[in-house]
Amino acid sequence: MIIFQFLFLLFSLFAIGAVIQRKKDSAMSSIGTAFWMVFWILADVVVFLPQSVTVFANHLGIGRGTDLVTYVSFALIFFVLFRLHVKLHEIERDITTIVRKDALKQTISNKQ
């Protein structure tokens, strides 16, 4: 095992532990927990068996495993950014609704 593999394994075990802790604290959904567990396990497979990614990439018509990892990484990053954008928009809308209701309540109570 090379140093990078050892360090990556330590990091992924730490990340998996953090995911489990967040699930226990009810700060993460079951789907989110499953996603991150699968993500870190697959990341470990890629680090410890890089040739397996090349074989899988060749079945998909992609020449190198690193290319496949790059494509999938970009797709995941943009998907996460999209989800964050949608969630941020929902939060902004909810805050606007709450502030408007509060302003109306204050206006009504000031008139009485």
Protein backbone atom coordinates (compact mmCIF):
# COMPACT_ATOMS: atom_id res chain seq x y z
CA MET A 1 0.00 0.00 0.00
CA ILE A 2 1.46 3.33 -1.01
CA ILE A 3 1.28 6.39 1.21
CA PHE A 4 -1.50 8.01 -0.83
CA GLN A 5 -3.69 4.93 -0.54
CA PHE A 6 -3.16 4.79 3.22
CA LEU A 7 -3.95 8.49 3.67
CA PHE A 8 -6.98 8.25 1.40
CA LEU A 9 -8.27 5.26 3.34
CA LEU A 10 -7.92 7.19 6.61
CA PHE A 11 -9.74 10.17 5.09
CA SER A 12 -12.56 8.06 3.66
CA LEU A 13 -13.02 6.23 6.97
CA PHE A 14 -13.22 9.62 8.69
CA ALA A 15 -15.78 10.78 6.10
CA ILE A 16 -17.86 7.61 6.50
CA GLY A 17 -17.77 8.10 10.27
CA ALA A 18 -18.98 11.68 9.82
CA VAL A 19 -21.82 10.48 7.57
CA ILE A 20 -22.88 7.88 10.15
CA GLN A 21 -22.75 10.48 12.93
CA ARG A 22 -24.87 12.93 10.93
CA LYS A 23 -27.41 10.16 10.29
CA LYS A 24 -27.53 9.35 14.03
CA ASP A 25 -28.10 13.06 14.75
CA SER A 26 -30.96 13.04 12.20
CA ALA A 27 -29.11 15.69 10.21
CA MET A 28 -29.04 13.56 7.05
CA SER A 29 -31.73 11.64 5.20
CA SER A 30 -31.49 7.94 4.43
CA ILE A 31 -31.00 8.70 0.74
CA GLY A 32 -28.23 11.17 1.51
CA THR A 33 -26.57 8.68 3.83
CA ALA A 34 -26.74 5.92 1.22
CA PHE A 35 -25.37 8.24 -1.47
CA TRP A 36 -22.36 9.29 0.58
CA MET A 37 -21.63 5.78 1.82
CA VAL A 38 -21.66 4.45 -1.76
CA PHE A 39 -19.58 7.43 -2.90
CA TRP A 40 -16.81 6.84 -0.35
CA ILE A 41 -16.78 3.09 -0.91
CA LEU A 42 -16.50 3.59 -4.68
CA ALA A 43 -13.78 6.17 -4.12
CA ASP A 44 -11.84 3.59 -2.11
CA VAL A 45 -12.29 1.03 -4.89
CA VAL A 46 -10.98 3.54 -7.44
CA VAL A 47 -7.94 4.34 -5.30
CA PHE A 48 -7.09 0.72 -4.46
CA LEU A 49 -8.04 -0.85 -7.81
CA PRO A 50 -7.47 1.82 -10.47
CA GLN A 51 -7.36 -0.78 -13.25
CA SER A 52 -11.01 -1.67 -12.51
CA VAL A 53 -12.04 1.84 -13.55
CA THR A 54 -10.15 1.48 -16.82
CA VAL A 55 -11.92 -1.80 -17.56
CA PHE A 56 -15.30 -0.22 -16.81
CA ALA A 57 -14.42 2.85 -18.89
CA ASN A 58 -13.47 0.65 -21.84
CA HIS A 59 -16.90 -1.04 -21.67
CA LEU A 60 -18.47 2.41 -21.93
CA GLY A 61 -16.29 3.36 -24.89
CA ILE A 62 -14.01 5.68 -22.92
CA GLY A 63 -10.30 5.11 -23.38
CA ARG A 64 -8.93 5.73 -19.89
CA GLY A 65 -10.26 5.28 -16.40
CA THR A 66 -9.08 8.73 -15.39
CA ASP A 67 -11.22 10.24 -18.15
CA LEU A 68 -14.28 8.42 -16.80
CA VAL A 69 -13.55 9.60 -13.27
CA THR A 70 -13.17 13.17 -14.54
CA TYR A 71 -16.45 13.07 -16.49
CA VAL A 72 -18.40 11.58 -13.60
CA SER A 73 -16.83 14.04 -11.14
CA PHE A 74 -17.82 17.04 -13.24
CA ALA A 75 -21.35 15.70 -13.65
CA LEU A 76 -21.69 15.15 -9.89
CA ILE A 77 -20.29 18.59 -9.07
CA PHE A 78 -22.73 20.31 -11.41
CA PHE A 79 -25.62 18.22 -10.09
CA VAL A 80 -24.76 19.18 -6.50
CA LEU A 81 -24.45 22.85 -7.51
CA PHE A 82 -27.86 22.66 -9.19
CA ARG A 83 -29.43 21.10 -6.08
CA LEU A 84 -27.83 23.77 -3.87
CA HIS A 85 -29.12 26.50 -6.18
CA VAL A 86 -32.66 25.10 -6.02
CA LYS A 87 -32.49 24.73 -2.23
CA LEU A 88 -31.17 28.29 -1.84
CA HIS A 89 -34.00 29.61 -4.00
CA GLU A 90 -36.55 27.73 -1.86
CA ILE A 91 -35.05 29.17 1.33
CA GLU A 92 -35.12 32.70 -0.12
CA ARG A 93 -38.78 32.25 -1.06
CA ASP A 94 -39.63 30.93 2.43
CA ILE A 95 -37.83 33.84 4.11
CA THR A 96 -39.68 36.32 1.90
CA THR A 97 -43.02 34.73 2.81
CA ILE A 98 -42.24 34.81 6.53
CA VAL A 99 -41.06 38.44 6.42
CA ARG A 100 -44.18 39.52 4.51
CA LYS A 101 -46.49 37.77 7.00
CA ASP A 102 -44.62 39.32 9.92
CA ALA A 103 -44.80 42.77 8.34
CA LEU A 104 -48.56 42.39 7.82
CA LYS A 105 -49.03 41.29 11.44
CA GLN A 106 -47.05 44.27 12.70
CA THR A 107 -49.01 46.65 10.48
CA ILE A 108 -52.33 45.27 11.71
CA SER A 109 -51.26 45.36 15.37
CA ASN A 110 -49.99 48.95 14.99
CA LYS A 111 -53.35 50.09 13.58
CA GLN A 112 -55.25 48.70 16.56
